[in-house]
Amino acid sequence: MAVPLSLLTSLVIAVYGRAMRVSVLLLLLVTGTAGPSWAQSSGGSAAEQVKIHQQRAHQLLIEKKPELAVKEFAAVLSADPSNLDAQANLGVLLFFPKKENQKEE
């Protein structure tokens, strides 16, 4: 049974404790193994979906929108759980959350 990606990413964004972020990351990685079955049905091959989500995620990082990039990296992992780029970037984004009171440069 596949868990909706929007539900998982909402949980990731709402989590504050470091231990919880690690737990959610593991949950995303574990549930990502069921992703390819529905990723292919949404049009295009799994490889194409990975490429599209990865490009969006990197563009969102450039635009300094990490909370949206988390969703895209999670989508990459649901289509390709072994994608090291998405694993690394999602791990960094979850480990170093953006602070609300931090000034943007």
PDB file of N, CA and C in Angstrom:
ATOM      1  N   MET A   1       0.839  -1.174   0.000  1.00  0.00           N
ATOM      2  CA  MET A   1       0.000   0.000   0.000  1.00  0.00           C
ATOM      3  C   MET A   1       0.884   1.238   0.000  1.00  0.00           C
ATOM      4  N   ALA A   2       0.753   2.085  -0.993  1.00  0.00           N
ATOM      5  CA  ALA A   2       1.569   3.290  -1.113  1.00  0.00           C
ATOM      6  C   ALA A   2       0.962   4.414  -0.286  1.00  0.00           C
ATOM      7  N   VAL A   3       1.808   5.126   0.439  1.00  0.00           N
ATOM      8  CA  VAL A   3       1.379   6.267   1.233  1.00  0.00           C
ATOM      9  C   VAL A   3       1.479   7.498   0.347  1.00  0.00           C
ATOM     10  N   PRO A   4       0.461   8.370   0.340  1.00  0.00           N
ATOM     11  CA  PRO A   4       0.516   9.571  -0.502  1.00  0.00           C
ATOM     12  C   PRO A   4       1.744  10.421  -0.178  1.00  0.00           C
ATOM     13  N   LEU A   5       2.425  10.855  -1.213  1.00  0.00           N
ATOM     14  CA  LEU A   5       3.643  11.634  -1.044  1.00  0.00           C
ATOM     15  C   LEU A   5       3.365  12.942  -0.325  1.00  0.00           C
ATOM     16  N   SER A   6       2.225  13.581  -0.586  1.00  0.00           N
ATOM     17  CA  SER A   6       1.919  14.856   0.060  1.00  0.00           C
ATOM     18  C   SER A   6       1.800  14.692   1.568  1.00  0.00           C
ATOM     19  N   LEU A   7       1.262  13.566   2.015  1.00  0.00           N
ATOM     20  CA  LEU A   7       1.154  13.305   3.449  1.00  0.00           C
ATOM     21  C   LEU A   7       2.536  13.156   4.070  1.00  0.00           C
ATOM     22  N   LEU A   8       3.411  12.428   3.396  1.00  0.00           N
ATOM     23  CA  LEU A   8       4.766  12.229   3.922  1.00  0.00           C
ATOM     24  C   LEU A   8       5.544  13.533   3.978  1.00  0.00           C
ATOM     25  N   THR A   9       5.456  14.341   2.943  1.00  0.00           N
ATOM     26  CA  THR A   9       6.211  15.593   2.929  1.00  0.00           C
ATOM     27  C   THR A   9       5.639  16.584   3.931  1.00  0.00           C
ATOM     28  N   SER A  10       4.331  16.552   4.165  1.00  0.00           N
ATOM     29  CA  SER A  10       3.741  17.412   5.191  1.00  0.00           C
ATOM     30  C   SER A  10       4.294  17.048   6.557  1.00  0.00           C
ATOM     31  N   LEU A  11       4.453  15.755   6.788  1.00  0.00           N
ATOM     32  CA  LEU A  11       5.034  15.306   8.050  1.00  0.00           C
ATOM     33  C   LEU A  11       6.473  15.782   8.186  1.00  0.00           C
ATOM     34  N   VAL A  12       7.221  15.726   7.097  1.00  0.00           N
ATOM     35  CA  VAL A  12       8.628  16.149   7.121  1.00  0.00           C
ATOM     36  C   VAL A  12       8.729  17.623   7.474  1.00  0.00           C
ATOM     37  N   ILE A  13       7.895  18.440   6.863  1.00  0.00           N
ATOM     38  CA  ILE A  13       7.969  19.880   7.079  1.00  0.00           C
ATOM     39  C   ILE A  13       7.539  20.246   8.498  1.00  0.00           C
ATOM     40  N   ALA A  14       6.597  19.496   9.060  1.00  0.00           N
ATOM     41  CA  ALA A  14       6.077  19.803  10.389  1.00  0.00           C
ATOM     42  C   ALA A  14       6.992  19.317  11.518  1.00  0.00           C
ATOM     43  N   VAL A  15       7.970  18.505  11.226  1.00  0.00           N
ATOM     44  CA  VAL A  15       8.811  17.900  12.261  1.00  0.00           C
ATOM     45  C   VAL A  15       9.909  18.867  12.677  1.00  0.00           C
ATOM     46  N   TYR A  16      10.177  18.943  14.002  1.00  0.00           N
ATOM     47  CA  TYR A  16      11.201  19.860  14.486  1.00  0.00           C
ATOM     48  C   TYR A  16      12.389  19.170  15.133  1.00  0.00           C
ATOM     49  N   GLY A  17      12.203  18.089  15.833  1.00  0.00           N
ATOM     50  CA  GLY A  17      13.301  17.425  16.533  1.00  0.00           C
ATOM     51  C   GLY A  17      14.201  16.659  15.582  1.00  0.00           C
ATOM     52  N   ARG A  18      15.482  16.657  15.852  1.00  0.00           N
ATOM     53  CA  ARG A  18      16.455  15.975  15.003  1.00  0.00           C
ATOM     54  C   ARG A  18      16.148  14.487  14.893  1.00  0.00           C
ATOM     55  N   ALA A  19      15.817  13.868  16.001  1.00  0.00           N
ATOM     56  CA  ALA A  19      15.498  12.434  15.977  1.00  0.00           C
ATOM     57  C   ALA A  19      14.264  12.168  15.129  1.00  0.00           C
ATOM     58  N   MET A  20      13.286  13.045  15.196  1.00  0.00           N
ATOM     59  CA  MET A  20      12.077  12.867  14.393  1.00  0.00           C
ATOM     60  C   MET A  20      12.381  13.042  12.908  1.00  0.00           C
ATOM     61  N   ARG A  21      13.259  13.988  12.557  1.00  0.00           N
ATOM     62  CA  ARG A  21      13.610  14.185  11.150  1.00  0.00           C
ATOM     63  C   ARG A  21      14.272  12.937  10.589  1.00  0.00           C
ATOM     64  N   VAL A  22      15.122  12.318  11.396  1.00  0.00           N
ATOM     65  CA  VAL A  22      15.770  11.086  10.961  1.00  0.00           C
ATOM     66  C   VAL A  22      14.722   9.997  10.774  1.00  0.00           C
ATOM     67  N   SER A  23      13.765   9.904  11.696  1.00  0.00           N
ATOM     68  CA  SER A  23      12.702   8.905  11.584  1.00  0.00           C
ATOM     69  C   SER A  23      11.867   9.121  10.334  1.00  0.00           C
ATOM     70  N   VAL A  24      11.540  10.371  10.057  1.00  0.00           N
ATOM     71  CA  VAL A  24      10.733  10.671   8.879  1.00  0.00           C
ATOM     72  C   VAL A  24      11.523  10.372   7.611  1.00  0.00           C
ATOM     73  N   LEU A  25      12.820  10.682   7.622  1.00  0.00           N
ATOM     74  CA  LEU A  25      13.650  10.372   6.460  1.00  0.00           C
ATOM     75  C   LEU A  25      13.663   8.868   6.205  1.00  0.00           C
ATOM     76  N   LEU A  26      13.813   8.092   7.254  1.00  0.00           N
ATOM     77  CA  LEU A  26      13.787   6.639   7.105  1.00  0.00           C
ATOM     78  C   LEU A  26      12.431   6.172   6.598  1.00  0.00           C
ATOM     79  N   LEU A  27      11.363   6.773   7.083  1.00  0.00           N
ATOM     80  CA  LEU A  27      10.018   6.439   6.615  1.00  0.00           C
ATOM     81  C   LEU A  27       9.883   6.733   5.125  1.00  0.00           C
ATOM     82  N   LEU A  28      10.403   7.881   4.698  1.00  0.00           N
ATOM     83  CA  LEU A  28      10.351   8.223   3.279  1.00  0.00           C
ATOM     84  C   LEU A  28      11.127   7.214   2.435  1.00  0.00           C
ATOM     85  N   LEU A  29      12.283   6.828   2.921  1.00  0.00           N
ATOM     86  CA  LEU A  29      13.097   5.880   2.170  1.00  0.00           C
ATOM     87  C   LEU A  29      12.451   4.504   2.109  1.00  0.00           C
ATOM     88  N   VAL A  30      11.850   4.078   3.218  1.00  0.00           N
ATOM     89  CA  VAL A  30      11.209   2.761   3.259  1.00  0.00           C
ATOM     90  C   VAL A  30       9.970   2.738   2.383  1.00  0.00           C
ATOM     91  N   THR A  31       9.132   3.760   2.482  1.00  0.00           N
ATOM     92  CA  THR A  31       7.904   3.784   1.679  1.00  0.00           C
ATOM     93  C   THR A  31       8.202   4.106   0.220  1.00  0.00           C
ATOM     94  N   GLY A  32       9.374   4.643  -0.054  1.00  0.00           N
ATOM     95  CA  GLY A  32       9.745   4.955  -1.436  1.00  0.00           C
ATOM     96  C   GLY A  32       9.879   3.730  -2.306  1.00  0.00           C
ATOM     97  N   THR A  33      10.024   2.568  -1.706  1.00  0.00           N
ATOM     98  CA  THR A  33      10.149   1.354  -2.507  1.00  0.00           C
ATOM     99  C   THR A  33       8.860   1.004  -3.227  1.00  0.00           C
ATOM    100  N   ALA A  34       7.721   1.538  -2.767  1.00  0.00           N
ATOM    101  CA  ALA A  34       6.437   1.284  -3.427  1.00  0.00           C
ATOM    102  C   ALA A  34       6.137   2.340  -4.484  1.00  0.00           C
ATOM    103  N   GLY A  35       6.983   3.336  -4.610  1.00  0.00           N
ATOM    104  CA  GLY A  35       6.725   4.466  -5.491  1.00  0.00           C
ATOM    105  C   GLY A  35       6.687   4.195  -6.974  1.00  0.00           C
ATOM    106  N   PRO A  36       7.580   3.407  -7.538  1.00  0.00           N
ATOM    107  CA  PRO A  36       7.608   3.281  -8.983  1.00  0.00           C
ATOM    108  C   PRO A  36       6.295   2.815  -9.608  1.00  0.00           C
ATOM    109  N   SER A  37       5.481   2.051  -8.899  1.00  0.00           N
ATOM    110  CA  SER A  37       4.238   1.571  -9.485  1.00  0.00           C
ATOM    111  C   SER A  37       3.294   2.714  -9.807  1.00  0.00           C
ATOM    112  N   TRP A  38       3.220   3.727  -8.962  1.00  0.00           N
ATOM    113  CA  TRP A  38       2.329   4.843  -9.282  1.00  0.00           C
ATOM    114  C   TRP A  38       3.049   5.955 -10.027  1.00  0.00           C
ATOM    115  N   ALA A  39       4.361   6.034  -9.914  1.00  0.00           N
ATOM    116  CA  ALA A  39       5.100   7.078 -10.621  1.00  0.00           C
ATOM    117  C   ALA A  39       5.011   6.876 -12.123  1.00  0.00           C
ATOM    118  N   GLN A  40       5.035   5.633 -12.576  1.00  0.00           N
ATOM    119  CA  GLN A  40       4.964   5.368 -14.000  1.00  0.00           C
ATOM    120  C   GLN A  40       3.572   5.612 -14.543  1.00  0.00           C
ATOM    121  N   SER A  41       2.551   5.442 -13.731  1.00  0.00           N
ATOM    122  CA  SER A  41       1.193   5.622 -14.212  1.00  0.00           C
ATOM    123  C   SER A  41       0.840   7.084 -14.421  1.00  0.00           C
ATOM    124  N   SER A  42       1.628   8.021 -13.877  1.00  0.00           N
ATOM    125  CA  SER A  42       1.316   9.438 -14.011  1.00  0.00           C
ATOM    126  C   SER A  42       1.872  10.034 -15.300  1.00  0.00           C
ATOM    127  N   GLY A  43       2.353   9.225 -16.193  1.00  0.00           N
ATOM    128  CA  GLY A  43       2.862   9.710 -17.472  1.00  0.00           C
ATOM    129  C   GLY A  43       4.371   9.715 -17.488  1.00  0.00           C
ATOM    130  N   GLY A  44       4.963   9.138 -18.501  1.00  0.00           N
ATOM    131  CA  GLY A  44       6.402   9.095 -18.609  1.00  0.00           C
ATOM    132  C   GLY A  44       6.994   7.952 -17.823  1.00  0.00           C
ATOM    133  N   SER A  45       8.221   7.635 -18.144  1.00  0.00           N
ATOM    134  CA  SER A  45       8.901   6.547 -17.441  1.00  0.00           C
ATOM    135  C   SER A  45       9.393   7.017 -16.085  1.00  0.00           C
ATOM    136  N   ALA A  46       9.776   6.076 -15.253  1.00  0.00           N
ATOM    137  CA  ALA A  46      10.293   6.416 -13.927  1.00  0.00           C
ATOM    138  C   ALA A  46      11.548   7.273 -14.053  1.00  0.00           C
ATOM    139  N   ALA A  47      12.392   6.967 -15.027  1.00  0.00           N
ATOM    140  CA  ALA A  47      13.621   7.748 -15.222  1.00  0.00           C
ATOM    141  C   ALA A  47      13.296   9.195 -15.591  1.00  0.00           C
ATOM    142  N   GLU A  48      12.265   9.373 -16.414  1.00  0.00           N
ATOM    143  CA  GLU A  48      11.860  10.738 -16.785  1.00  0.00           C
ATOM    144  C   GLU A  48      11.311  11.486 -15.577  1.00  0.00           C
ATOM    145  N   GLN A  49      10.516  10.796 -14.753  1.00  0.00           N
ATOM    146  CA  GLN A  49       9.968  11.415 -13.549  1.00  0.00           C
ATOM    147  C   GLN A  49      11.081  11.826 -12.593  1.00  0.00           C
ATOM    148  N   VAL A  50      12.071  10.967 -12.443  1.00  0.00           N
ATOM    149  CA  VAL A  50      13.208  11.281 -11.577  1.00  0.00           C
ATOM    150  C   VAL A  50      13.911  12.535 -12.084  1.00  0.00           C
ATOM    151  N   LYS A  51      14.177  12.591 -13.362  1.00  0.00           N
ATOM    152  CA  LYS A  51      14.882  13.737 -13.953  1.00  0.00           C
ATOM    153  C   LYS A  51      14.094  15.032 -13.753  1.00  0.00           C
ATOM    154  N   ILE A  52      12.788  14.983 -13.980  1.00  0.00           N
ATOM    155  CA  ILE A  52      11.945  16.175 -13.836  1.00  0.00           C
ATOM    156  C   ILE A  52      11.938  16.662 -12.390  1.00  0.00           C
ATOM    157  N   HIS A  53      11.703  15.749 -11.445  1.00  0.00           N
ATOM    158  CA  HIS A  53      11.655  16.150 -10.037  1.00  0.00           C
ATOM    159  C   HIS A  53      13.018  16.623  -9.543  1.00  0.00           C
ATOM    160  N   GLN A  54      14.079  15.997 -10.017  1.00  0.00           N
ATOM    161  CA  GLN A  54      15.420  16.394  -9.593  1.00  0.00           C
ATOM    162  C   GLN A  54      15.750  17.799 -10.104  1.00  0.00           C
ATOM    163  N   GLN A  55      15.394  18.084 -11.345  1.00  0.00           N
ATOM    164  CA  GLN A  55      15.635  19.423 -11.888  1.00  0.00           C
ATOM    165  C   GLN A  55      14.843  20.477 -11.123  1.00  0.00           C
ATOM    166  N   ARG A  56      13.576  20.173 -10.819  1.00  0.00           N
ATOM    167  CA  ARG A  56      12.752  21.114 -10.040  1.00  0.00           C
ATOM    168  C   ARG A  56      13.355  21.345  -8.661  1.00  0.00           C
ATOM    169  N   ALA A  57      13.801  20.271  -8.022  1.00  0.00           N
ATOM    170  CA  ALA A  57      14.370  20.384  -6.681  1.00  0.00           C
ATOM    171  C   ALA A  57      15.602  21.286  -6.681  1.00  0.00           C
ATOM    172  N   HIS A  58      16.486  21.085  -7.647  1.00  0.00           N
ATOM    173  CA  HIS A  58      17.693  21.913  -7.706  1.00  0.00           C
ATOM    174  C   HIS A  58      17.350  23.365  -8.031  1.00  0.00           C
ATOM    175  N   GLN A  59      16.348  23.589  -8.872  1.00  0.00           N
ATOM    176  CA  GLN A  59      15.920  24.954  -9.172  1.00  0.00           C
ATOM    177  C   GLN A  59      15.342  25.616  -7.917  1.00  0.00           C
ATOM    178  N   LEU A  60      14.582  24.871  -7.147  1.00  0.00           N
ATOM    179  CA  LEU A  60      14.017  25.412  -5.904  1.00  0.00           C
ATOM    180  C   LEU A  60      15.110  25.743  -4.894  1.00  0.00           C
ATOM    181  N   LEU A  61      16.174  24.955  -4.866  1.00  0.00           N
ATOM    182  CA  LEU A  61      17.298  25.277  -3.984  1.00  0.00           C
ATOM    183  C   LEU A  61      17.964  26.577  -4.421  1.00  0.00           C
ATOM    184  N   ILE A  62      18.107  26.758  -5.721  1.00  0.00           N
ATOM    185  CA  ILE A  62      18.686  28.001  -6.243  1.00  0.00           C
ATOM    186  C   ILE A  62      17.812  29.192  -5.867  1.00  0.00           C
ATOM    187  N   GLU A  63      16.493  28.993  -5.893  1.00  0.00           N
ATOM    188  CA  GLU A  63      15.534  30.047  -5.546  1.00  0.00           C
ATOM    189  C   GLU A  63      15.355  30.209  -4.036  1.00  0.00           C
ATOM    190  N   LYS A  64      16.138  29.460  -3.250  1.00  0.00           N
ATOM    191  CA  LYS A  64      16.100  29.498  -1.788  1.00  0.00           C
ATOM    192  C   LYS A  64      14.709  29.150  -1.252  1.00  0.00           C
ATOM    193  N   LYS A  65      14.170  28.038  -1.769  1.00  0.00           N
ATOM    194  CA  LYS A  65      12.883  27.514  -1.314  1.00  0.00           C
ATOM    195  C   LYS A  65      13.065  26.058  -0.875  1.00  0.00           C
ATOM    196  N   PRO A  66      13.821  25.855   0.230  1.00  0.00           N
ATOM    197  CA  PRO A  66      14.152  24.489   0.638  1.00  0.00           C
ATOM    198  C   PRO A  66      12.942  23.641   1.019  1.00  0.00           C
ATOM    199  N   GLU A  67      11.898  24.253   1.584  1.00  0.00           N
ATOM    200  CA  GLU A  67      10.741  23.468   1.989  1.00  0.00           C
ATOM    201  C   GLU A  67      10.020  22.868   0.782  1.00  0.00           C
ATOM    202  N   LEU A  68      10.075  23.536  -0.358  1.00  0.00           N
ATOM    203  CA  LEU A  68       9.495  22.973  -1.584  1.00  0.00           C
ATOM    204  C   LEU A  68      10.441  21.955  -2.217  1.00  0.00           C
ATOM    205  N   ALA A  69      11.737  22.190  -2.076  1.00  0.00           N
ATOM    206  CA  ALA A  69      12.721  21.241  -2.609  1.00  0.00           C
ATOM    207  C   ALA A  69      12.635  19.900  -1.889  1.00  0.00           C
ATOM    208  N   VAL A  70      12.284  19.915  -0.603  1.00  0.00           N
ATOM    209  CA  VAL A  70      12.123  18.665   0.154  1.00  0.00           C
ATOM    210  C   VAL A  70      11.079  17.786  -0.524  1.00  0.00           C
ATOM    211  N   LYS A  71       9.975  18.386  -0.941  1.00  0.00           N
ATOM    212  CA  LYS A  71       8.908  17.628  -1.604  1.00  0.00           C
ATOM    213  C   LYS A  71       9.402  17.002  -2.902  1.00  0.00           C
ATOM    214  N   GLU A  72      10.183  17.753  -3.669  1.00  0.00           N
ATOM    215  CA  GLU A  72      10.682  17.242  -4.945  1.00  0.00           C
ATOM    216  C   GLU A  72      11.698  16.123  -4.741  1.00  0.00           C
ATOM    217  N   PHE A  73      12.605  16.289  -3.756  1.00  0.00           N
ATOM    218  CA  PHE A  73      13.569  15.223  -3.491  1.00  0.00           C
ATOM    219  C   PHE A  73      12.865  13.965  -2.984  1.00  0.00           C
ATOM    220  N   ALA A  74      11.803  14.147  -2.197  1.00  0.00           N
ATOM    221  CA  ALA A  74      11.026  12.991  -1.742  1.00  0.00           C
ATOM    222  C   ALA A  74      10.363  12.293  -2.930  1.00  0.00           C
ATOM    223  N   ALA A  75       9.905  13.061  -3.908  1.00  0.00           N
ATOM    224  CA  ALA A  75       9.306  12.475  -5.115  1.00  0.00           C
ATOM    225  C   ALA A  75      10.352  11.696  -5.910  1.00  0.00           C
ATOM    226  N   VAL A  76      11.568  12.220  -5.962  1.00  0.00           N
ATOM    227  CA  VAL A  76      12.655  11.505  -6.646  1.00  0.00           C
ATOM    228  C   VAL A  76      12.877  10.158  -5.964  1.00  0.00           C
ATOM    229  N   LEU A  77      12.920  10.168  -4.631  1.00  0.00           N
ATOM    230  CA  LEU A  77      13.177   8.927  -3.893  1.00  0.00           C
ATOM    231  C   LEU A  77      12.017   7.943  -3.981  1.00  0.00           C
ATOM    232  N   SER A  78      10.819   8.439  -4.174  1.00  0.00           N
ATOM    233  CA  SER A  78       9.703   7.504  -4.309  1.00  0.00           C
ATOM    234  C   SER A  78       9.762   6.795  -5.663  1.00  0.00           C
ATOM    235  N   ALA A  79      10.345   7.442  -6.661  1.00  0.00           N
ATOM    236  CA  ALA A  79      10.499   6.812  -7.976  1.00  0.00           C
ATOM    237  C   ALA A  79      11.804   6.020  -8.070  1.00  0.00           C
ATOM    238  N   ASP A  80      12.842   6.487  -7.358  1.00  0.00           N
ATOM    239  CA  ASP A  80      14.147   5.825  -7.389  1.00  0.00           C
ATOM    240  C   ASP A  80      14.780   5.876  -6.002  1.00  0.00           C
ATOM    241  N   PRO A  81      14.461   4.914  -5.137  1.00  0.00           N
ATOM    242  CA  PRO A  81      14.952   4.927  -3.759  1.00  0.00           C
ATOM    243  C   PRO A  81      16.472   4.891  -3.624  1.00  0.00           C
ATOM    244  N   SER A  82      17.184   4.494  -4.651  1.00  0.00           N
ATOM    245  CA  SER A  82      18.645   4.410  -4.560  1.00  0.00           C
ATOM    246  C   SER A  82      19.338   5.660  -5.114  1.00  0.00           C
ATOM    247  N   ASN A  83      18.599   6.720  -5.393  1.00  0.00           N
ATOM    248  CA  ASN A  83      19.175   7.949  -5.948  1.00  0.00           C
ATOM    249  C   ASN A  83      19.978   8.662  -4.864  1.00  0.00           C
ATOM    250  N   LEU A  84      21.308   8.632  -4.990  1.00  0.00           N
ATOM    251  CA  LEU A  84      22.192   9.194  -3.966  1.00  0.00           C
ATOM    252  C   LEU A  84      22.090  10.709  -3.869  1.00  0.00           C
ATOM    253  N   ASP A  85      21.898  11.380  -4.992  1.00  0.00           N
ATOM    254  CA  ASP A  85      21.780  12.842  -4.983  1.00  0.00           C
ATOM    255  C   ASP A  85      20.576  13.264  -4.142  1.00  0.00           C
ATOM    256  N   ALA A  86      19.442  12.630  -4.372  1.00  0.00           N
ATOM    257  CA  ALA A  86      18.230  12.974  -3.626  1.00  0.00           C
ATOM    258  C   ALA A  86      18.372  12.593  -2.158  1.00  0.00           C
ATOM    259  N   GLN A  87      18.979  11.445  -1.865  1.00  0.00           N
ATOM    260  CA  GLN A  87      19.180  11.026  -0.481  1.00  0.00           C
ATOM    261  C   GLN A  87      20.032  12.047   0.264  1.00  0.00           C
ATOM    262  N   ALA A  88      21.132  12.447  -0.354  1.00  0.00           N
ATOM    263  CA  ALA A  88      22.051  13.387   0.293  1.00  0.00           C
ATOM    264  C   ALA A  88      21.400  14.753   0.498  1.00  0.00           C
ATOM    265  N   ASN A  89      20.760  15.274  -0.548  1.00  0.00           N
ATOM    266  CA  ASN A  89      20.138  16.595  -0.436  1.00  0.00           C
ATOM    267  C   ASN A  89      18.982  16.599   0.553  1.00  0.00           C
ATOM    268  N   LEU A  90      18.158  15.565   0.522  1.00  0.00           N
ATOM    269  CA  LEU A  90      17.047  15.496   1.461  1.00  0.00           C
ATOM    270  C   LEU A  90      17.577  15.366   2.889  1.00  0.00           C
ATOM    271  N   GLY A  91      18.619  14.579   3.069  1.00  0.00           N
ATOM    272  CA  GLY A  91      19.212  14.443   4.400  1.00  0.00           C
ATOM    273  C   GLY A  91      19.729  15.761   4.936  1.00  0.00           C
ATOM    274  N   VAL A  92      20.394  16.524   4.093  1.00  0.00           N
ATOM    275  CA  VAL A  92      20.916  17.829   4.516  1.00  0.00           C
ATOM    276  C   VAL A  92      19.772  18.782   4.842  1.00  0.00           C
ATOM    277  N   LEU A  93      18.747  18.807   3.990  1.00  0.00           N
ATOM    278  CA  LEU A  93      17.619  19.704   4.223  1.00  0.00           C
ATOM    279  C   LEU A  93      16.871  19.354   5.508  1.00  0.00           C
ATOM    280  N   LEU A  94      16.787  18.078   5.831  1.00  0.00           N
ATOM    281  CA  LEU A  94      16.104  17.673   7.058  1.00  0.00           C
ATOM    282  C   LEU A  94      16.975  17.882   8.288  1.00  0.00           C
ATOM    283  N   PHE A  95      18.283  17.752   8.124  1.00  0.00           N
ATOM    284  CA  PHE A  95      19.189  17.899   9.254  1.00  0.00           C
ATOM    285  C   PHE A  95      19.366  19.370   9.642  1.00  0.00           C
ATOM    286  N   PHE A  96      19.394  20.251   8.656  1.00  0.00           N
ATOM    287  CA  PHE A  96      19.574  21.687   8.892  1.00  0.00           C
ATOM    288  C   PHE A  96      18.321  22.434   8.455  1.00  0.00           C
ATOM    289  N   PRO A  97      17.270  22.414   9.277  1.00  0.00           N
ATOM    290  CA  PRO A  97      16.043  23.103   8.877  1.00  0.00           C
ATOM    291  C   PRO A  97      16.238  24.613   8.876  1.00  0.00           C
ATOM    292  N   LYS A  98      15.491  25.296   8.026  1.00  0.00           N
ATOM    293  CA  LYS A  98      15.548  26.757   7.961  1.00  0.00           C
ATOM    294  C   LYS A  98      14.913  27.317   9.217  1.00  0.00           C
ATOM    295  N   LYS A  99      15.600  28.242   9.855  1.00  0.00           N
ATOM    296  CA  LYS A  99      15.071  28.861  11.062  1.00  0.00           C
ATOM    297  C   LYS A  99      14.173  30.026  10.667  1.00  0.00           C
ATOM    298  N   GLU A 100      13.029  30.139  11.331  1.00  0.00           N
ATOM    299  CA  GLU A 100      12.045  31.179  11.020  1.00  0.00           C
ATOM    300  C   GLU A 100      12.602  32.583  11.220  1.00  0.00           C
ATOM    301  N   ASN A 101      13.436  32.770  12.237  1.00  0.00           N
ATOM    302  CA  ASN A 101      13.934  34.099  12.541  1.00  0.00           C
ATOM    303  C   ASN A 101      15.248  34.415  11.847  1.00  0.00           C
ATOM    304  N   GLN A 102      15.723  33.549  10.980  1.00  0.00           N
ATOM    305  CA  GLN A 102      16.990  33.757  10.275  1.00  0.00           C
ATOM    306  C   GLN A 102      16.782  34.751   9.148  1.00  0.00           C
ATOM    307  N   LYS A 103      17.676  35.739   9.056  1.00  0.00           N
ATOM    308  CA  LYS A 103      17.583  36.736   7.986  1.00  0.00           C
ATOM    309  C   LYS A 103      18.027  36.134   6.676  1.00  0.00           C
ATOM    310  N   GLU A 104      17.329  36.485   5.610  1.00  0.00           N
ATOM    311  CA  GLU A 104      17.742  36.009   4.284  1.00  0.00           C
ATOM    312  C   GLU A 104      18.813  36.943   3.764  1.00  0.00           C
ATOM    313  N   GLU A 105      19.783  36.369   3.088  1.00  0.00           N
ATOM    314  CA  GLU A 105      20.906  37.159   2.553  1.00  0.00           C
ATOM    315  C   GLU A 105      20.687  37.503   1.116  1.00  0.00           C
TER     316      GLU A 105
END
